[in-house]
């Protein structure tokens, strides 16, 4: 909440009603995340080592055995399944 100066919250900003967006029509499968299986841990990257660089196999029916390198934030290990919103871009290799 924003600081109002009096030390109290402005209760007009915090309505008890739940506001939900209207349901969007289902679009083509391009909006759905693609599943990918971690096959190799390449190493840690990032300024503090909080990102893991991994090689993943895209679990897609039409293109078999396609692998790309991605950066993963948070814990991951071999055989984990990742949900990737985008599979065209590939991470730069570690130096």
Foldseek 3Di string as FASTA:
>chain_A
DDDPPPPDDDCVVPDPDDDDDPDDDDDPCLQFFWKWFFAAWPAFDDPVRQKTKTKIATPDDPDHRDIAIDIHGDDDDGGDMDGHSDDPDGDDDDD
